[in-house]
Protein backbone atom coordinates (compact mmCIF):
# COMPACT_ATOMS: atom_id res chain seq x y z
CA UNK A 1 0.00 0.00 0.00
CA UNK A 2 1.37 3.33 -1.03
CA UNK A 3 0.84 6.40 1.16
CA UNK A 4 0.51 9.70 -0.62
CA UNK A 5 2.19 12.72 0.83
CA UNK A 6 0.18 15.88 0.85
CA UNK A 7 1.78 18.84 -0.81
CA UNK A 8 2.57 21.66 1.57
CA UNK A 9 0.79 24.89 0.88
CA UNK A 10 1.33 28.22 2.56
CA UNK A 11 4.26 29.76 4.37
CA UNK A 12 6.34 28.30 7.14
CA UNK A 13 7.10 30.21 10.32
CA UNK A 14 10.67 30.84 9.17
CA UNK A 15 9.49 32.34 5.89
CA UNK A 16 7.07 34.62 7.74
CA UNK A 17 9.82 35.80 10.10
CA UNK A 18 12.13 36.51 7.17
CA UNK A 19 9.47 38.53 5.34
CA UNK A 20 8.70 40.57 8.46
CA UNK A 21 12.43 41.16 9.05
CA UNK A 22 12.96 42.36 5.48
CA UNK A 23 9.98 44.71 5.74
CA UNK A 24 11.35 46.03 9.04
CA UNK A 25 14.77 46.67 7.51
CA UNK A 26 13.23 48.51 4.55
CA UNK A 27 11.07 50.65 6.85
CA UNK A 28 14.05 51.51 9.05
CA UNK A 29 15.95 52.66 5.96
CA UNK A 30 13.01 54.84 4.85
CA UNK A 31 12.28 56.37 8.28
CA UNK A 32 14.84 59.24 7.99
CA UNK A 33 13.42 60.13 4.56
CA UNK A 34 9.90 60.34 5.99
CA UNK A 35 11.07 62.49 8.92
CA UNK A 36 12.91 64.88 6.61
CA UNK A 37 9.90 65.21 4.30
CA UNK A 38 7.59 65.79 7.29
CA UNK A 39 9.82 68.53 8.70
CA UNK A 40 10.14 70.16 5.28
CA UNK A 41 6.37 70.10 4.75
CA UNK A 42 5.71 71.43 8.23
CA UNK A 43 8.01 74.41 7.63
CA UNK A 44 6.48 75.51 4.31
CA UNK A 45 4.88 78.94 4.38
CA UNK A 46 6.55 80.14 7.58
CA UNK A 47 8.54 82.88 5.82
CA UNK A 48 5.64 85.38 5.65
CA UNK A 49 5.84 87.69 8.73
CA UNK A 50 2.23 88.89 8.20
CA UNK A 51 0.89 85.37 8.64
CA UNK A 52 2.97 83.51 11.27
CA UNK A 53 0.80 80.39 11.05
CA UNK A 54 1.50 80.07 7.33
CA UNK A 55 -0.99 79.37 4.57
CA UNK A 56 -3.43 76.50 4.87
CA UNK A 57 -2.46 75.18 1.43
CA UNK A 58 1.01 75.86 0.06
CA UNK A 59 1.46 76.40 -3.67
CA UNK A 60 2.73 73.30 -5.42
CA UNK A 61 5.75 75.16 -6.80
CA UNK A 62 7.16 76.03 -3.35
CA UNK A 63 10.48 74.33 -2.79
CA UNK A 64 10.68 72.60 -6.16
CA UNK A 65 13.30 74.95 -7.54
CA UNK A 66 15.85 73.45 -5.15
CA UNK A 67 14.85 69.84 -5.78
CA UNK A 68 16.10 69.79 -9.37
CA UNK A 69 19.71 70.84 -8.81
PDB file of N, CA and C in Angstrom:
ATOM      1  N   UNK A   1       0.832  -1.166   0.000  1.00  0.00           N
ATOM      2  CA  UNK A   1       0.000   0.000   0.000  1.00  0.00           C
ATOM      3  C   UNK A   1       0.892   1.250   0.000  1.00  0.00           C
ATOM      4  N   UNK A   2       0.578   2.132  -0.880  1.00  0.00           N
ATOM      5  CA  UNK A   2       1.375   3.334  -1.030  1.00  0.00           C
ATOM      6  C   UNK A   2       0.666   4.514  -0.351  1.00  0.00           C
ATOM      7  N   UNK A   3       1.413   5.246   0.460  1.00  0.00           N
ATOM      8  CA  UNK A   3       0.842   6.405   1.163  1.00  0.00           C
ATOM      9  C   UNK A   3       1.224   7.667   0.394  1.00  0.00           C
ATOM     10  N   UNK A   4       0.240   8.447   0.094  1.00  0.00           N
ATOM     11  CA  UNK A   4       0.507   9.697  -0.621  1.00  0.00           C
ATOM     12  C   UNK A   4       0.855  10.805   0.368  1.00  0.00           C
ATOM     13  N   UNK A   5       1.847  11.555   0.017  1.00  0.00           N
ATOM     14  CA  UNK A   5       2.192  12.719   0.831  1.00  0.00           C
ATOM     15  C   UNK A   5       1.404  13.915   0.322  1.00  0.00           C
ATOM     16  N   UNK A   6       0.900  14.666   1.241  1.00  0.00           N
ATOM     17  CA  UNK A   6       0.182  15.877   0.851  1.00  0.00           C
ATOM     18  C   UNK A   6       1.198  16.966   0.543  1.00  0.00           C
ATOM     19  N   UNK A   7       0.902  17.731  -0.479  1.00  0.00           N
ATOM     20  CA  UNK A   7       1.778  18.844  -0.812  1.00  0.00           C
ATOM     21  C   UNK A   7       1.553  19.969   0.187  1.00  0.00           C
ATOM     22  N   UNK A   8       2.668  20.556   0.624  1.00  0.00           N
ATOM     23  CA  UNK A   8       2.574  21.662   1.573  1.00  0.00           C
ATOM     24  C   UNK A   8       2.139  22.919   0.842  1.00  0.00           C
ATOM     25  N   UNK A   9       1.231  23.613   1.428  1.00  0.00           N
ATOM     26  CA  UNK A   9       0.787  24.889   0.880  1.00  0.00           C
ATOM     27  C   UNK A   9       0.891  25.932   1.976  1.00  0.00           C
ATOM     28  N   UNK A  10       1.234  27.143   1.580  1.00  0.00           N
ATOM     29  CA  UNK A  10       1.330  28.218   2.562  1.00  0.00           C
ATOM     30  C   UNK A  10       2.777  28.495   2.938  1.00  0.00           C
ATOM     31  N   UNK A  11       2.937  29.343   3.933  1.00  0.00           N
ATOM     32  CA  UNK A  11       4.263  29.762   4.370  1.00  0.00           C
ATOM     33  C   UNK A  11       4.617  29.118   5.697  1.00  0.00           C
ATOM     34  N   UNK A  12       5.885  28.817   5.855  1.00  0.00           N
ATOM     35  CA  UNK A  12       6.342  28.296   7.137  1.00  0.00           C
ATOM     36  C   UNK A  12       6.615  29.470   8.079  1.00  0.00           C
ATOM     37  N   UNK A  13       6.821  29.174   9.329  1.00  0.00           N
ATOM     38  CA  UNK A  13       7.100  30.209  10.318  1.00  0.00           C
ATOM     39  C   UNK A  13       8.396  30.939   9.981  1.00  0.00           C
ATOM     40  N   UNK A  14       9.397  30.223   9.527  1.00  0.00           N
ATOM     41  CA  UNK A  14      10.671  30.836   9.169  1.00  0.00           C
ATOM     42  C   UNK A  14      10.499  31.817   8.015  1.00  0.00           C
ATOM     43  N   UNK A  15       9.729  31.438   7.025  1.00  0.00           N
ATOM     44  CA  UNK A  15       9.492  32.340   5.893  1.00  0.00           C
ATOM     45  C   UNK A  15       8.755  33.601   6.336  1.00  0.00           C
ATOM     46  N   UNK A  16       7.794  33.458   7.231  1.00  0.00           N
ATOM     47  CA  UNK A  16       7.066  34.623   7.741  1.00  0.00           C
ATOM     48  C   UNK A  16       8.001  35.558   8.506  1.00  0.00           C
ATOM     49  N   UNK A  17       8.875  34.993   9.332  1.00  0.00           N
ATOM     50  CA  UNK A  17       9.821  35.803  10.102  1.00  0.00           C
ATOM     51  C   UNK A  17      10.767  36.536   9.167  1.00  0.00           C
ATOM     52  N   UNK A  18      11.235  35.865   8.124  1.00  0.00           N
ATOM     53  CA  UNK A  18      12.130  36.515   7.166  1.00  0.00           C
ATOM     54  C   UNK A  18      11.443  37.664   6.437  1.00  0.00           C
ATOM     55  N   UNK A  19      10.207  37.474   6.037  1.00  0.00           N
ATOM     56  CA  UNK A  19       9.470  38.534   5.344  1.00  0.00           C
ATOM     57  C   UNK A  19       9.274  39.731   6.265  1.00  0.00           C
ATOM     58  N   UNK A  20       8.899  39.480   7.504  1.00  0.00           N
ATOM     59  CA  UNK A  20       8.700  40.573   8.458  1.00  0.00           C
ATOM     60  C   UNK A  20      10.022  41.288   8.736  1.00  0.00           C
ATOM     61  N   UNK A  21      11.123  40.546   8.828  1.00  0.00           N
ATOM     62  CA  UNK A  21      12.434  41.160   9.051  1.00  0.00           C
ATOM     63  C   UNK A  21      12.842  42.031   7.872  1.00  0.00           C
ATOM     64  N   UNK A  22      12.614  41.568   6.668  1.00  0.00           N
ATOM     65  CA  UNK A  22      12.962  42.360   5.479  1.00  0.00           C
ATOM     66  C   UNK A  22      12.124  43.631   5.429  1.00  0.00           C
ATOM     67  N   UNK A  23      10.839  43.523   5.721  1.00  0.00           N
ATOM     68  CA  UNK A  23       9.978  44.713   5.737  1.00  0.00           C
ATOM     69  C   UNK A  23      10.455  45.687   6.812  1.00  0.00           C
ATOM     70  N   UNK A  24      10.845  45.180   7.971  1.00  0.00           N
ATOM     71  CA  UNK A  24      11.355  46.033   9.039  1.00  0.00           C
ATOM     72  C   UNK A  24      12.633  46.749   8.642  1.00  0.00           C
ATOM     73  N   UNK A  25      13.523  46.053   7.966  1.00  0.00           N
ATOM     74  CA  UNK A  25      14.771  46.675   7.507  1.00  0.00           C
ATOM     75  C   UNK A  25      14.478  47.770   6.491  1.00  0.00           C
ATOM     76  N   UNK A  26      13.579  47.500   5.555  1.00  0.00           N
ATOM     77  CA  UNK A  26      13.229  48.515   4.555  1.00  0.00           C
ATOM     78  C   UNK A  26      12.581  49.738   5.200  1.00  0.00           C
ATOM     79  N   UNK A  27      11.702  49.522   6.166  1.00  0.00           N
ATOM     80  CA  UNK A  27      11.070  50.650   6.852  1.00  0.00           C
ATOM     81  C   UNK A  27      12.084  51.454   7.654  1.00  0.00           C
ATOM     82  N   UNK A  28      13.037  50.779   8.283  1.00  0.00           N
ATOM     83  CA  UNK A  28      14.045  51.509   9.053  1.00  0.00           C
ATOM     84  C   UNK A  28      14.956  52.327   8.142  1.00  0.00           C
ATOM     85  N   UNK A  29      15.153  51.880   6.907  1.00  0.00           N
ATOM     86  CA  UNK A  29      15.946  52.661   5.960  1.00  0.00           C
ATOM     87  C   UNK A  29      15.159  53.865   5.449  1.00  0.00           C
ATOM     88  N   UNK A  30      13.840  53.750   5.361  1.00  0.00           N
ATOM     89  CA  UNK A  30      13.010  54.836   4.845  1.00  0.00           C
ATOM     90  C   UNK A  30      12.612  55.843   5.923  1.00  0.00           C
ATOM     91  N   UNK A  31      12.728  55.501   7.195  1.00  0.00           N
ATOM     92  CA  UNK A  31      12.280  56.374   8.278  1.00  0.00           C
ATOM     93  C   UNK A  31      12.922  57.761   8.232  1.00  0.00           C
ATOM     94  N   UNK A  32      14.251  57.889   8.059  1.00  0.00           N
ATOM     95  CA  UNK A  32      14.839  59.235   7.989  1.00  0.00           C
ATOM     96  C   UNK A  32      14.295  60.061   6.820  1.00  0.00           C
ATOM     97  N   UNK A  33      13.981  59.423   5.717  1.00  0.00           N
ATOM     98  CA  UNK A  33      13.421  60.133   4.564  1.00  0.00           C
ATOM     99  C   UNK A  33      12.047  60.684   4.912  1.00  0.00           C
ATOM    100  N   UNK A  34      11.231  59.883   5.593  1.00  0.00           N
ATOM    101  CA  UNK A  34       9.901  60.339   5.989  1.00  0.00           C
ATOM    102  C   UNK A  34       9.985  61.493   6.979  1.00  0.00           C
ATOM    103  N   UNK A  35      10.921  61.423   7.932  1.00  0.00           N
ATOM    104  CA  UNK A  35      11.069  62.487   8.925  1.00  0.00           C
ATOM    105  C   UNK A  35      11.502  63.780   8.246  1.00  0.00           C
ATOM    106  N   UNK A  36      12.436  63.690   7.320  1.00  0.00           N
ATOM    107  CA  UNK A  36      12.912  64.881   6.612  1.00  0.00           C
ATOM    108  C   UNK A  36      11.788  65.506   5.790  1.00  0.00           C
ATOM    109  N   UNK A  37      11.014  64.692   5.100  1.00  0.00           N
ATOM    110  CA  UNK A  37       9.900  65.211   4.303  1.00  0.00           C
ATOM    111  C   UNK A  37       8.837  65.840   5.198  1.00  0.00           C
ATOM    112  N   UNK A  38       8.586  65.241   6.359  1.00  0.00           N
ATOM    113  CA  UNK A  38       7.595  65.790   7.287  1.00  0.00           C
ATOM    114  C   UNK A  38       8.039  67.151   7.808  1.00  0.00           C
ATOM    115  N   UNK A  39       9.313  67.255   8.194  1.00  0.00           N
ATOM    116  CA  UNK A  39       9.821  68.531   8.701  1.00  0.00           C
ATOM    117  C   UNK A  39       9.813  69.596   7.614  1.00  0.00           C
ATOM    118  N   UNK A  40      10.145  69.207   6.389  1.00  0.00           N
ATOM    119  CA  UNK A  40      10.142  70.158   5.283  1.00  0.00           C
ATOM    120  C   UNK A  40       8.719  70.636   5.000  1.00  0.00           C
ATOM    121  N   UNK A  41       7.761  69.730   5.007  1.00  0.00           N
ATOM    122  CA  UNK A  41       6.373  70.098   4.745  1.00  0.00           C
ATOM    123  C   UNK A  41       5.801  70.946   5.875  1.00  0.00           C
ATOM    124  N   UNK A  42       6.210  70.676   7.086  1.00  0.00           N
ATOM    125  CA  UNK A  42       5.711  71.433   8.230  1.00  0.00           C
ATOM    126  C   UNK A  42       6.229  72.868   8.200  1.00  0.00           C
ATOM    127  N   UNK A  43       7.415  73.082   7.652  1.00  0.00           N
ATOM    128  CA  UNK A  43       8.015  74.406   7.626  1.00  0.00           C
ATOM    129  C   UNK A  43       7.616  75.263   6.441  1.00  0.00           C
ATOM    130  N   UNK A  44       6.871  74.725   5.483  1.00  0.00           N
ATOM    131  CA  UNK A  44       6.484  75.511   4.313  1.00  0.00           C
ATOM    132  C   UNK A  44       5.546  76.639   4.711  1.00  0.00           C
ATOM    133  N   UNK A  45       5.769  77.817   4.149  1.00  0.00           N
ATOM    134  CA  UNK A  45       4.881  78.942   4.377  1.00  0.00           C
ATOM    135  C   UNK A  45       5.178  79.724   5.631  1.00  0.00           C
ATOM    136  N   UNK A  46       6.233  79.436   6.337  1.00  0.00           N
ATOM    137  CA  UNK A  46       6.552  80.142   7.582  1.00  0.00           C
ATOM    138  C   UNK A  46       7.335  81.429   7.339  1.00  0.00           C
ATOM    139  N   UNK A  47       7.701  81.725   6.108  1.00  0.00           N
ATOM    140  CA  UNK A  47       8.539  82.884   5.823  1.00  0.00           C
ATOM    141  C   UNK A  47       7.767  84.201   5.867  1.00  0.00           C
ATOM    142  N   UNK A  48       6.454  84.176   5.718  1.00  0.00           N
ATOM    143  CA  UNK A  48       5.642  85.380   5.648  1.00  0.00           C
ATOM    144  C   UNK A  48       5.435  85.939   7.057  1.00  0.00           C
ATOM    145  N   UNK A  49       5.995  87.140   7.374  1.00  0.00           N
ATOM    146  CA  UNK A  49       5.841  87.692   8.726  1.00  0.00           C
ATOM    147  C   UNK A  49       4.413  88.154   9.019  1.00  0.00           C
ATOM    148  N   UNK A  50       3.612  88.448   7.981  1.00  0.00           N
ATOM    149  CA  UNK A  50       2.233  88.886   8.196  1.00  0.00           C
ATOM    150  C   UNK A  50       1.337  87.741   8.640  1.00  0.00           C
ATOM    151  N   UNK A  51       1.704  86.535   8.305  1.00  0.00           N
ATOM    152  CA  UNK A  51       0.891  85.370   8.637  1.00  0.00           C
ATOM    153  C   UNK A  51       1.795  84.323   9.296  1.00  0.00           C
ATOM    154  N   UNK A  52       2.015  84.426  10.624  1.00  0.00           N
ATOM    155  CA  UNK A  52       2.967  83.511  11.272  1.00  0.00           C
ATOM    156  C   UNK A  52       2.541  82.048  11.258  1.00  0.00           C
ATOM    157  N   UNK A  53       1.247  81.784  11.091  1.00  0.00           N
ATOM    158  CA  UNK A  53       0.801  80.394  11.049  1.00  0.00           C
ATOM    159  C   UNK A  53       1.003  79.769   9.682  1.00  0.00           C
ATOM    160  N   UNK A  54       1.288  80.584   8.676  1.00  0.00           N
ATOM    161  CA  UNK A  54       1.499  80.066   7.331  1.00  0.00           C
ATOM    162  C   UNK A  54       0.190  79.817   6.621  1.00  0.00           C
ATOM    163  N   UNK A  55       0.245  79.614   5.323  1.00  0.00           N
ATOM    164  CA  UNK A  55      -0.987  79.367   4.573  1.00  0.00           C
ATOM    165  C   UNK A  55      -1.531  77.969   4.854  1.00  0.00           C
ATOM    166  N   UNK A  56      -2.814  77.814   4.672  1.00  0.00           N
ATOM    167  CA  UNK A  56      -3.432  76.499   4.867  1.00  0.00           C
ATOM    168  C   UNK A  56      -2.980  75.528   3.783  1.00  0.00           C
ATOM    169  N   UNK A  57      -2.896  76.010   2.548  1.00  0.00           N
ATOM    170  CA  UNK A  57      -2.463  75.176   1.431  1.00  0.00           C
ATOM    171  C   UNK A  57      -1.308  75.896   0.749  1.00  0.00           C
ATOM    172  N   UNK A  58      -0.155  75.260   0.699  1.00  0.00           N
ATOM    173  CA  UNK A  58       1.009  75.859   0.062  1.00  0.00           C
ATOM    174  C   UNK A  58       0.926  75.646  -1.441  1.00  0.00           C
ATOM    175  N   UNK A  59       1.414  76.611  -2.220  1.00  0.00           N
ATOM    176  CA  UNK A  59       1.455  76.405  -3.674  1.00  0.00           C
ATOM    177  C   UNK A  59       2.335  75.204  -4.013  1.00  0.00           C
ATOM    178  N   UNK A  60       1.988  74.516  -5.072  1.00  0.00           N
ATOM    179  CA  UNK A  60       2.728  73.301  -5.422  1.00  0.00           C
ATOM    180  C   UNK A  60       4.140  73.594  -5.900  1.00  0.00           C
ATOM    181  N   UNK A  61       4.421  74.836  -6.288  1.00  0.00           N
ATOM    182  CA  UNK A  61       5.751  75.160  -6.798  1.00  0.00           C
ATOM    183  C   UNK A  61       6.722  75.538  -5.688  1.00  0.00           C
ATOM    184  N   UNK A  62       6.279  75.634  -4.446  1.00  0.00           N
ATOM    185  CA  UNK A  62       7.158  76.030  -3.355  1.00  0.00           C
ATOM    186  C   UNK A  62       8.169  74.925  -3.084  1.00  0.00           C
ATOM    187  N   UNK A  63       9.433  75.273  -3.117  1.00  0.00           N
ATOM    188  CA  UNK A  63      10.481  74.325  -2.793  1.00  0.00           C
ATOM    189  C   UNK A  63      10.949  73.457  -3.940  1.00  0.00           C
ATOM    190  N   UNK A  64      10.270  73.483  -5.067  1.00  0.00           N
ATOM    191  CA  UNK A  64      10.676  72.595  -6.155  1.00  0.00           C
ATOM    192  C   UNK A  64      11.882  73.122  -6.913  1.00  0.00           C
ATOM    193  N   UNK A  65      12.159  74.424  -6.806  1.00  0.00           N
ATOM    194  CA  UNK A  65      13.303  74.950  -7.544  1.00  0.00           C
ATOM    195  C   UNK A  65      14.618  74.411  -6.993  1.00  0.00           C
ATOM    196  N   UNK A  66      14.640  74.007  -5.734  1.00  0.00           N
ATOM    197  CA  UNK A  66      15.854  73.450  -5.148  1.00  0.00           C
ATOM    198  C   UNK A  66      15.955  71.938  -5.343  1.00  0.00           C
ATOM    199  N   UNK A  67      14.841  71.290  -5.630  1.00  0.00           N
ATOM    200  CA  UNK A  67      14.845  69.836  -5.776  1.00  0.00           C
ATOM    201  C   UNK A  67      15.513  69.364  -7.060  1.00  0.00           C
ATOM    202  N   UNK A  68      15.608  70.216  -8.063  1.00  0.00           N
ATOM    203  CA  UNK A  68      16.100  69.787  -9.375  1.00  0.00           C
ATOM    204  C   UNK A  68      17.532  70.213  -9.646  1.00  0.00           C
ATOM    205  N   UNK A  69      18.309  70.449  -8.607  1.00  0.00           N
ATOM    206  CA  UNK A  69      19.712  70.843  -8.811  1.00  0.00           C
ATOM    207  C   UNK A  69      20.559  69.663  -9.186  1.00  0.00           C
TER     208      UNK A  69
END
